Amino acid sequence: MIAVTAIHASLRTPFRLAMAVPAIETSGAAHRDKAGATHPAASHIRNRILNLLPAKELEAVNERCEMVTVESKEIVFRRGEPIQQVHFPEDCVISLVTELEDGDSVEAMTVGSDGFVGMPVFHGVPSSRLKGIGQITGLSRRISTDDFTAIARECAALNRMLHRYSQFVFETVSQSAACNRLHVIEQRCARWLLMSEDRVGRSQFDLTQEFLAEMLGVRRPGVTVAMGVLEKAGLITHSRGSITVVDRPGLEKASCECYGTIRERQAELIS
């Protein structure tokens, strides 16, 4: 179960953008409301989309969200079931996964501090044909679907940013489809590790080769060989359940063009 580290007061007032709320502290410390709930402080926000919002909209989002820990392999939402919460990840990574009838699955996209999980809700669709699953353990700002719908309706900058992020998602999935078809597994692993490091904001993160193989849609032996090649080249180190990027420039050279293409497009759209 997702561990909630900050909980809202049990009685909520109806959402209004101009609501009277305690000022967000610039010191970075969390503040508490009268019911004792701890709300995440604005200066700690790593999420790229939230950091681009004007102060009033950021305050509205921050007041309605709760900080949670998303664990690796934890189900965030299930295929075909109503999405109850949306996420603005901080340093966790959440995978959006396509599941087939025979039980196989493959990753469609990963989302970390660069994005948002809950795009169907934003577009007025209650569920998804994808499954959301925690990939790398970390923190996320979570908002109930009802609260998010109200915020998105009232906050023009957030609405605009999520429309642009939606385009970025479409282009990223398209680029990844080409990558999976045309590039060798060592290049794909390098790209995936670089994107993961970007999203968690640290060079070391917990990840098993079994899970990486499942996300890439390849067999475990193929990932073992690819990781061995990258480690022998001095680009990464890995032990059971943990990976560390030790030579980022070298890993970028080992990756395919898709990493740079996605990063450049992200800078254009999410800014």
C-alpha atoms as a PDB file:
ATOM      1  CA  MET A   1       0.000   0.000   0.000  1.00  0.00           C
ATOM      2  CA  ILE A   2       1.172   3.507  -0.721  1.00  0.00           C
ATOM      3  CA  ALA A   3       2.528   5.044   2.471  1.00  0.00           C
ATOM      4  CA  VAL A   4       0.970   8.431   2.991  1.00  0.00           C
ATOM      5  CA  THR A   5       3.397  10.821   4.605  1.00  0.00           C
ATOM      6  CA  ALA A   6       1.088  13.804   4.656  1.00  0.00           C
ATOM      7  CA  ILE A   7      -2.676  13.611   5.135  1.00  0.00           C
ATOM      8  CA  HIS A   8      -5.342  16.205   4.542  1.00  0.00           C
ATOM      9  CA  ALA A   9      -7.819  17.186   7.204  1.00  0.00           C
ATOM     10  CA  SER A  10     -10.850  14.928   7.084  1.00  0.00           C
ATOM     11  CA  LEU A  11     -13.242  17.804   6.462  1.00  0.00           C
ATOM     12  CA  ARG A  12     -12.466  19.730   3.274  1.00  0.00           C
ATOM     13  CA  THR A  13     -13.938  22.981   2.091  1.00  0.00           C
ATOM     14  CA  PRO A  14     -15.095  23.270  -1.537  1.00  0.00           C
ATOM     15  CA  PHE A  15     -12.263  24.117  -3.911  1.00  0.00           C
ATOM     16  CA  ARG A  16     -11.816  27.709  -5.044  1.00  0.00           C
ATOM     17  CA  LEU A  17      -8.701  29.056  -6.703  1.00  0.00           C
ATOM     18  CA  ALA A  18      -8.829  32.142  -4.500  1.00  0.00           C
ATOM     19  CA  MET A  19      -9.285  30.093  -1.334  1.00  0.00           C
ATOM     20  CA  ALA A  20      -7.804  31.447   1.868  1.00  0.00           C
ATOM     21  CA  VAL A  21      -4.950  29.111   2.774  1.00  0.00           C
ATOM     22  CA  PRO A  22      -1.838  29.460   4.890  1.00  0.00           C
ATOM     23  CA  ALA A  23       1.042  31.036   2.967  1.00  0.00           C
ATOM     24  CA  ILE A  24       3.547  28.550   1.586  1.00  0.00           C
ATOM     25  CA  GLU A  25       6.729  28.903   3.582  1.00  0.00           C
ATOM     26  CA  THR A  26       9.755  29.958   1.614  1.00  0.00           C
ATOM     27  CA  SER A  27      12.093  28.267   4.062  1.00  0.00           C
ATOM     28  CA  GLY A  28      11.171  24.858   2.650  1.00  0.00           C
ATOM     29  CA  ALA A  29       9.648  23.562   5.879  1.00  0.00           C
ATOM     30  CA  ALA A  30       6.237  21.940   5.709  1.00  0.00           C
ATOM     31  CA  HIS A  31       3.326  23.730   7.366  1.00  0.00           C
ATOM     32  CA  ARG A  32       0.491  22.261   9.388  1.00  0.00           C
ATOM     33  CA  ASP A  33      -3.164  23.190   9.290  1.00  0.00           C
ATOM     34  CA  LYS A  34      -5.421  23.341  12.347  1.00  0.00           C
ATOM     35  CA  ALA A  35      -6.254  19.650  12.057  1.00  0.00           C
ATOM     36  CA  GLY A  36      -2.566  18.734  12.225  1.00  0.00           C
ATOM     37  CA  ALA A  37      -2.166  17.639   8.596  1.00  0.00           C
ATOM     38  CA  THR A  38       1.289  18.213   7.145  1.00  0.00           C
ATOM     39  CA  HIS A  39       1.329  19.733   3.674  1.00  0.00           C
ATOM     40  CA  PRO A  40       4.431  19.523   1.441  1.00  0.00           C
ATOM     41  CA  ALA A  41       6.368  22.785   1.133  1.00  0.00           C
ATOM     42  CA  ALA A  42       6.633  24.515  -2.222  1.00  0.00           C
ATOM     43  CA  SER A  43      10.394  25.006  -2.146  1.00  0.00           C
ATOM     44  CA  HIS A  44      10.879  21.214  -2.067  1.00  0.00           C
ATOM     45  CA  ILE A  45       9.065  20.669  -5.362  1.00  0.00           C
ATOM     46  CA  ARG A  46      11.139  18.871  -8.004  1.00  0.00           C
ATOM     47  CA  ASN A  47       8.300  18.155 -10.413  1.00  0.00           C
ATOM     48  CA  ARG A  48       8.973  20.056 -13.633  1.00  0.00           C
ATOM     49  CA  ILE A  49       5.334  20.865 -14.421  1.00  0.00           C
ATOM     50  CA  LEU A  50       4.538  22.195 -10.946  1.00  0.00           C
ATOM     51  CA  ASN A  51       7.700  24.287 -10.887  1.00  0.00           C
ATOM     52  CA  LEU A  52       6.521  26.131 -13.997  1.00  0.00           C
ATOM     53  CA  LEU A  53       3.194  27.208 -12.476  1.00  0.00           C
ATOM     54  CA  PRO A  54       2.511  30.745 -11.231  1.00  0.00           C
ATOM     55  CA  ALA A  55       2.525  31.136  -7.443  1.00  0.00           C
ATOM     56  CA  LYS A  56      -1.267  31.211  -6.986  1.00  0.00           C
ATOM     57  CA  GLU A  57      -1.829  28.027  -8.988  1.00  0.00           C
ATOM     58  CA  LEU A  58       1.063  26.257  -7.297  1.00  0.00           C
ATOM     59  CA  GLU A  59      -0.431  27.189  -3.949  1.00  0.00           C
ATOM     60  CA  ALA A  60      -3.802  25.760  -4.965  1.00  0.00           C
ATOM     61  CA  VAL A  61      -2.201  22.478  -6.086  1.00  0.00           C
ATOM     62  CA  ASN A  62       0.039  22.233  -3.051  1.00  0.00           C
ATOM     63  CA  GLU A  63      -2.896  22.738  -0.692  1.00  0.00           C
ATOM     64  CA  ARG A  64      -4.843  19.856  -2.202  1.00  0.00           C
ATOM     65  CA  CYS A  65      -2.056  17.311  -2.640  1.00  0.00           C
ATOM     66  CA  GLU A  66      -0.508  14.830  -0.240  1.00  0.00           C
ATOM     67  CA  MET A  67       3.014  13.474  -0.324  1.00  0.00           C
ATOM     68  CA  VAL A  68       3.161   9.694  -0.689  1.00  0.00           C
ATOM     69  CA  THR A  69       5.807   7.049  -1.227  1.00  0.00           C
ATOM     70  CA  VAL A  70       5.294   4.965  -4.362  1.00  0.00           C
ATOM     71  CA  GLU A  71       7.057   1.620  -4.029  1.00  0.00           C
ATOM     72  CA  SER A  72       8.626  -0.352  -6.858  1.00  0.00           C
ATOM     73  CA  LYS A  73       6.076  -2.742  -8.425  1.00  0.00           C
ATOM     74  CA  GLU A  74       3.210  -1.068  -6.580  1.00  0.00           C
ATOM     75  CA  ILE A  75       0.010  -0.741  -8.611  1.00  0.00           C
ATOM     76  CA  VAL A  76      -0.871   2.926  -9.080  1.00  0.00           C
ATOM     77  CA  PHE A  77      -3.946   2.207 -11.185  1.00  0.00           C
ATOM     78  CA  ARG A  78      -5.246  -0.893 -12.940  1.00  0.00           C
ATOM     79  CA  ARG A  79      -6.201  -1.356 -16.569  1.00  0.00           C
ATOM     80  CA  GLY A  80      -9.864  -0.623 -17.187  1.00  0.00           C
ATOM     81  CA  GLU A  81     -10.583   0.482 -13.602  1.00  0.00           C
ATOM     82  CA  PRO A  82     -11.487   4.051 -12.545  1.00  0.00           C
ATOM     83  CA  ILE A  83      -8.411   6.170 -11.777  1.00  0.00           C
ATOM     84  CA  GLN A  84      -8.900   7.445  -8.230  1.00  0.00           C
ATOM     85  CA  GLN A  85      -5.804   9.677  -7.929  1.00  0.00           C
ATOM     86  CA  VAL A  86      -3.355  11.475 -10.183  1.00  0.00           C
ATOM     87  CA  HIS A  87       0.359  11.925  -9.478  1.00  0.00           C
ATOM     88  CA  PHE A  88       3.030  14.566  -9.899  1.00  0.00           C
ATOM     89  CA  PRO A  89       6.140  12.461  -9.157  1.00  0.00           C
ATOM     90  CA  GLU A  90       9.015  13.950  -7.196  1.00  0.00           C
ATOM     91  CA  ASP A  91      11.763  11.314  -7.239  1.00  0.00           C
ATOM     92  CA  CYS A  92       9.858   8.118  -7.935  1.00  0.00           C
ATOM     93  CA  VAL A  93       9.364   6.677 -11.409  1.00  0.00           C
ATOM     94  CA  ILE A  94       6.019   5.272 -12.533  1.00  0.00           C
ATOM     95  CA  SER A  95       5.679   3.053 -15.606  1.00  0.00           C
ATOM     96  CA  LEU A  96       2.690   3.039 -17.923  1.00  0.00           C
ATOM     97  CA  VAL A  97       2.453  -0.550 -19.111  1.00  0.00           C
ATOM     98  CA  THR A  98       0.555  -2.291 -21.914  1.00  0.00           C
ATOM     99  CA  GLU A  99      -0.740  -5.723 -20.882  1.00  0.00           C
ATOM    100  CA  LEU A 100      -1.544  -8.465 -23.407  1.00  0.00           C
ATOM    101  CA  GLU A 101      -4.053 -11.307 -23.109  1.00  0.00           C
ATOM    102  CA  ASP A 102      -1.330 -13.929 -22.647  1.00  0.00           C
ATOM    103  CA  GLY A 103      -0.014 -12.114 -19.583  1.00  0.00           C
ATOM    104  CA  ASP A 104       2.975 -10.483 -21.243  1.00  0.00           C
ATOM    105  CA  SER A 105       3.477  -6.765 -20.747  1.00  0.00           C
ATOM    106  CA  VAL A 106       5.711  -4.029 -22.102  1.00  0.00           C
ATOM    107  CA  GLU A 107       6.375  -0.495 -20.991  1.00  0.00           C
ATOM    108  CA  ALA A 108       4.773   2.271 -23.063  1.00  0.00           C
ATOM    109  CA  MET A 109       6.363   5.168 -21.134  1.00  0.00           C
ATOM    110  CA  THR A 110       7.931   6.089 -17.806  1.00  0.00           C
ATOM    111  CA  VAL A 111       7.062   9.203 -15.819  1.00  0.00           C
ATOM    112  CA  GLY A 112       9.154  10.820 -13.105  1.00  0.00           C
ATOM    113  CA  SER A 113       9.782  14.352 -11.902  1.00  0.00           C
ATOM    114  CA  ASP A 114       9.468  15.473 -15.513  1.00  0.00           C
ATOM    115  CA  GLY A 115       5.762  14.775 -15.769  1.00  0.00           C
ATOM    116  CA  PHE A 116       2.303  13.764 -14.653  1.00  0.00           C
ATOM    117  CA  VAL A 117       0.437  10.472 -14.205  1.00  0.00           C
ATOM    118  CA  GLY A 118      -3.289  10.627 -14.859  1.00  0.00           C
ATOM    119  CA  MET A 119      -3.587  11.943 -18.396  1.00  0.00           C
ATOM    120  CA  PRO A 120      -6.894  10.089 -19.056  1.00  0.00           C
ATOM    121  CA  VAL A 121      -8.467  12.020 -16.169  1.00  0.00           C
ATOM    122  CA  PHE A 122      -7.213  15.310 -17.586  1.00  0.00           C
ATOM    123  CA  HIS A 123      -8.894  14.462 -20.903  1.00  0.00           C
ATOM    124  CA  GLY A 124     -12.163  13.519 -19.191  1.00  0.00           C
ATOM    125  CA  VAL A 125     -11.685   9.742 -19.480  1.00  0.00           C
ATOM    126  CA  PRO A 126     -12.215   7.830 -16.211  1.00  0.00           C
ATOM    127  CA  SER A 127      -9.951   4.840 -16.927  1.00  0.00           C
ATOM    128  CA  SER A 128      -7.107   3.654 -19.146  1.00  0.00           C
ATOM    129  CA  ARG A 129      -6.169   0.585 -21.179  1.00  0.00           C
ATOM    130  CA  LEU A 130      -2.726   0.900 -19.594  1.00  0.00           C
ATOM    131  CA  LYS A 131      -1.643  -0.084 -16.105  1.00  0.00           C
ATOM    132  CA  GLY A 132       0.288   2.317 -13.876  1.00  0.00           C
ATOM    133  CA  ILE A 133       2.960   0.626 -11.757  1.00  0.00           C
ATOM    134  CA  GLY A 134       5.761   1.920  -9.560  1.00  0.00           C
ATOM    135  CA  GLN A 135       9.146   1.357 -11.172  1.00  0.00           C
ATOM    136  CA  ILE A 136      11.627   3.145  -8.888  1.00  0.00           C
ATOM    137  CA  THR A 137      10.677   3.791  -5.262  1.00  0.00           C
ATOM    138  CA  GLY A 138      10.343   7.434  -4.292  1.00  0.00           C
ATOM    139  CA  LEU A 139       8.028  10.302  -3.432  1.00  0.00           C
ATOM    140  CA  SER A 140       5.092  11.690  -5.371  1.00  0.00           C
ATOM    141  CA  ARG A 141       2.512  14.421  -4.894  1.00  0.00           C
ATOM    142  CA  ARG A 142      -0.887  12.760  -5.156  1.00  0.00           C
ATOM    143  CA  ILE A 143      -4.256  14.448  -5.696  1.00  0.00           C
ATOM    144  CA  SER A 144      -7.705  12.865  -5.745  1.00  0.00           C
ATOM    145  CA  THR A 145      -9.397  12.796  -9.130  1.00  0.00           C
ATOM    146  CA  ASP A 146     -12.193  15.104  -7.975  1.00  0.00           C
ATOM    147  CA  ASP A 147      -9.797  17.682  -6.555  1.00  0.00           C
ATOM    148  CA  PHE A 148      -7.591  17.533  -9.634  1.00  0.00           C
ATOM    149  CA  THR A 149     -10.546  18.024 -11.991  1.00  0.00           C
ATOM    150  CA  ALA A 150     -11.561  21.154 -10.089  1.00  0.00           C
ATOM    151  CA  ILE A 151      -7.995  22.503 -10.035  1.00  0.00           C
ATOM    152  CA  ALA A 152      -7.429  21.853 -13.742  1.00  0.00           C
ATOM    153  CA  ARG A 153     -10.674  23.650 -14.580  1.00  0.00           C
ATOM    154  CA  GLU A 154      -9.732  26.743 -12.557  1.00  0.00           C
ATOM    155  CA  CYS A 155      -5.973  26.943 -13.240  1.00  0.00           C
ATOM    156  CA  ALA A 156      -5.282  28.197 -16.759  1.00  0.00           C
ATOM    157  CA  ALA A 157      -1.499  27.751 -16.663  1.00  0.00           C
ATOM    158  CA  LEU A 158      -1.773  24.178 -15.376  1.00  0.00           C
ATOM    159  CA  ASN A 159      -4.349  23.390 -18.054  1.00  0.00           C
ATOM    160  CA  ARG A 160      -2.083  24.790 -20.762  1.00  0.00           C
ATOM    161  CA  MET A 161       0.970  22.964 -19.425  1.00  0.00           C
ATOM    162  CA  LEU A 162      -0.822  19.615 -19.319  1.00  0.00           C
ATOM    163  CA  HIS A 163      -2.032  20.050 -22.904  1.00  0.00           C
ATOM    164  CA  ARG A 164       1.588  20.567 -23.927  1.00  0.00           C
ATOM    165  CA  TYR A 165       2.666  17.608 -21.797  1.00  0.00           C
ATOM    166  CA  SER A 166       0.025  15.490 -23.534  1.00  0.00           C
ATOM    167  CA  GLN A 167       1.694  16.271 -26.867  1.00  0.00           C
ATOM    168  CA  PHE A 168       5.067  15.402 -25.349  1.00  0.00           C
ATOM    169  CA  VAL A 169       3.696  12.028 -24.211  1.00  0.00           C
ATOM    170  CA  PHE A 170       2.451  11.246 -27.727  1.00  0.00           C
ATOM    171  CA  GLU A 171       5.807  12.116 -29.282  1.00  0.00           C
ATOM    172  CA  THR A 172       7.776  10.215 -26.621  1.00  0.00           C
ATOM    173  CA  VAL A 173       5.750   7.034 -27.133  1.00  0.00           C
ATOM    174  CA  SER A 174       6.223   7.373 -30.895  1.00  0.00           C
ATOM    175  CA  GLN A 175       9.989   7.828 -30.509  1.00  0.00           C
ATOM    176  CA  SER A 176      10.166   4.859 -28.147  1.00  0.00           C
ATOM    177  CA  ALA A 177       8.320   2.661 -30.645  1.00  0.00           C
ATOM    178  CA  ALA A 178      10.957   3.467 -33.255  1.00  0.00           C
ATOM    179  CA  CYS A 179      13.731   2.906 -30.708  1.00  0.00           C
ATOM    180  CA  ASN A 180      12.404  -0.509 -29.688  1.00  0.00           C
ATOM    181  CA  ARG A 181      12.179  -1.571 -33.329  1.00  0.00           C
ATOM    182  CA  LEU A 182      15.491  -0.235 -34.667  1.00  0.00           C
ATOM    183  CA  HIS A 183      18.059   0.027 -31.888  1.00  0.00           C
ATOM    184  CA  VAL A 184      20.040  -2.694 -30.123  1.00  0.00           C
ATOM    185  CA  ILE A 185      19.367  -3.559 -26.518  1.00  0.00           C
ATOM    186  CA  GLU A 186      22.592  -1.970 -25.199  1.00  0.00           C
ATOM    187  CA  GLN A 187      21.524   1.390 -26.653  1.00  0.00           C
ATOM    188  CA  ARG A 188      18.013   1.013 -25.280  1.00  0.00           C
ATOM    189  CA  CYS A 189      19.303   0.126 -21.814  1.00  0.00           C
ATOM    190  CA  ALA A 190      21.609   3.155 -21.879  1.00  0.00           C
ATOM    191  CA  ARG A 191      18.717   5.419 -22.879  1.00  0.00           C
ATOM    192  CA  TRP A 192      16.472   3.976 -20.207  1.00  0.00           C
ATOM    193  CA  LEU A 193      19.123   4.404 -17.476  1.00  0.00           C
ATOM    194  CA  LEU A 194      19.802   8.010 -18.501  1.00  0.00           C
ATOM    195  CA  MET A 195      16.113   8.869 -18.419  1.00  0.00           C
ATOM    196  CA  SER A 196      15.735   7.184 -15.038  1.00  0.00           C
ATOM    197  CA  GLU A 197      18.647   9.157 -13.603  1.00  0.00           C
ATOM    198  CA  ASP A 198      17.076  12.372 -14.901  1.00  0.00           C
ATOM    199  CA  ARG A 199      13.733  11.527 -13.327  1.00  0.00           C
ATOM    200  CA  VAL A 200      14.934  10.543  -9.863  1.00  0.00           C
ATOM    201  CA  GLY A 201      17.667  13.189  -9.655  1.00  0.00           C
ATOM    202  CA  ARG A 202      20.355  10.818  -8.407  1.00  0.00           C
ATOM    203  CA  SER A 203      22.892   8.458  -9.952  1.00  0.00           C
ATOM    204  CA  GLN A 204      21.967   5.433  -7.834  1.00  0.00           C
ATOM    205  CA  PHE A 205      18.525   3.846  -7.840  1.00  0.00           C
ATOM    206  CA  ASP A 206      16.937   0.519  -6.991  1.00  0.00           C
ATOM    207  CA  LEU A 207      16.103  -1.661  -9.974  1.00  0.00           C
ATOM    208  CA  THR A 208      16.278  -5.369 -10.731  1.00  0.00           C
ATOM    209  CA  GLN A 209      17.275  -6.784 -14.094  1.00  0.00           C
ATOM    210  CA  GLU A 210      14.071  -8.853 -14.092  1.00  0.00           C
ATOM    211  CA  PHE A 211      11.962  -5.722 -13.865  1.00  0.00           C
ATOM    212  CA  LEU A 212      14.048  -3.879 -16.459  1.00  0.00           C
ATOM    213  CA  ALA A 213      13.636  -6.798 -18.869  1.00  0.00           C
ATOM    214  CA  GLU A 214       9.877  -6.736 -18.352  1.00  0.00           C
ATOM    215  CA  MET A 215       9.734  -2.982 -18.975  1.00  0.00           C
ATOM    216  CA  LEU A 216      11.842  -3.226 -22.153  1.00  0.00           C
ATOM    217  CA  GLY A 217       9.866  -6.217 -23.421  1.00  0.00           C
ATOM    218  CA  VAL A 218      12.924  -8.470 -23.754  1.00  0.00           C
ATOM    219  CA  ARG A 219      14.153 -11.640 -22.064  1.00  0.00           C
ATOM    220  CA  ARG A 220      16.209 -11.441 -18.894  1.00  0.00           C
ATOM    221  CA  PRO A 221      19.392 -12.931 -20.484  1.00  0.00           C
ATOM    222  CA  GLY A 222      19.433 -10.115 -23.037  1.00  0.00           C
ATOM    223  CA  VAL A 223      19.356  -7.480 -20.283  1.00  0.00           C
ATOM    224  CA  THR A 224      22.076  -9.340 -18.359  1.00  0.00           C
ATOM    225  CA  VAL A 225      24.377  -9.238 -21.380  1.00  0.00           C
ATOM    226  CA  ALA A 226      23.605  -5.570 -22.107  1.00  0.00           C
ATOM    227  CA  MET A 227      24.213  -4.510 -18.507  1.00  0.00           C
ATOM    228  CA  GLY A 228      27.450  -6.494 -18.508  1.00  0.00           C
ATOM    229  CA  VAL A 229      28.634  -4.637 -21.607  1.00  0.00           C
ATOM    230  CA  LEU A 230      27.840  -1.254 -20.038  1.00  0.00           C
ATOM    231  CA  GLU A 231      29.525  -2.208 -16.777  1.00  0.00           C
ATOM    232  CA  LYS A 232      32.640  -3.582 -18.501  1.00  0.00           C
ATOM    233  CA  ALA A 233      32.937  -0.252 -20.328  1.00  0.00           C
ATOM    234  CA  GLY A 234      32.982   1.507 -16.932  1.00  0.00           C
ATOM    235  CA  LEU A 235      29.685   3.308 -17.498  1.00  0.00           C
ATOM    236  CA  ILE A 236      27.646   1.757 -14.679  1.00  0.00           C
ATOM    237  CA  THR A 237      27.952  -0.544 -11.716  1.00  0.00           C
ATOM    238  CA  HIS A 238      25.207  -2.822 -10.578  1.00  0.00           C
ATOM    239  CA  SER A 239      24.490  -5.247  -7.790  1.00  0.00           C
ATOM    240  CA  ARG A 240      21.355  -7.198  -7.098  1.00  0.00           C
ATOM    241  CA  GLY A 241      18.489  -4.720  -7.102  1.00  0.00           C
ATOM    242  CA  SER A 242      20.629  -1.582  -7.485  1.00  0.00           C
ATOM    243  CA  ILE A 243      22.185   0.355 -10.377  1.00  0.00           C
ATOM    244  CA  THR A 244      24.638   3.278 -10.263  1.00  0.00           C
ATOM    245  CA  VAL A 245      25.557   5.489 -13.213  1.00  0.00           C
ATOM    246  CA  VAL A 246      29.284   6.251 -12.862  1.00  0.00           C
ATOM    247  CA  ASP A 247      30.108   7.768 -16.281  1.00  0.00           C
ATOM    248  CA  ARG A 248      27.168   9.766 -17.572  1.00  0.00           C
ATOM    249  CA  PRO A 249      28.935  11.274 -20.628  1.00  0.00           C
ATOM    250  CA  GLY A 250      30.032   7.792 -21.645  1.00  0.00           C
ATOM    251  CA  LEU A 251      26.519   6.438 -21.141  1.00  0.00           C
ATOM    252  CA  GLU A 252      25.139   9.208 -23.349  1.00  0.00           C
ATOM    253  CA  LYS A 253      27.556   8.152 -26.098  1.00  0.00           C
ATOM    254  CA  ALA A 254      26.467   4.529 -25.685  1.00  0.00           C
ATOM    255  CA  SER A 255      22.808   5.507 -25.995  1.00  0.00           C
ATOM    256  CA  CYS A 256      20.970   5.970 -29.272  1.00  0.00           C
ATOM    257  CA  GLU A 257      19.823   9.290 -30.692  1.00  0.00           C
ATOM    258  CA  CYS A 258      16.409   8.846 -29.071  1.00  0.00           C
ATOM    259  CA  TYR A 259      17.554  10.070 -25.669  1.00  0.00           C
ATOM    260  CA  GLY A 260      18.726  13.404 -27.050  1.00  0.00           C
ATOM    261  CA  THR A 261      15.675  13.744 -29.283  1.00  0.00           C
ATOM    262  CA  ILE A 262      13.275  13.259 -26.378  1.00  0.00           C
ATOM    263  CA  ARG A 263      15.228  15.644 -24.125  1.00  0.00           C
ATOM    264  CA  GLU A 264      15.294  18.377 -26.769  1.00  0.00           C
ATOM    265  CA  ARG A 265      11.561  18.093 -27.402  1.00  0.00           C
ATOM    266  CA  GLN A 266      10.849  18.162 -23.683  1.00  0.00           C
ATOM    267  CA  ALA A 267      12.790  21.430 -23.358  1.00  0.00           C
ATOM    268  CA  GLU A 268      10.703  22.916 -26.183  1.00  0.00           C
ATOM    269  CA  LEU A 269       7.292  21.845 -24.889  1.00  0.00           C
ATOM    270  CA  ILE A 270       7.608  21.829 -21.099  1.00  0.00           C
ATOM    271  CA  SER A 271       9.003  25.295 -20.485  1.00  0.00           C
END
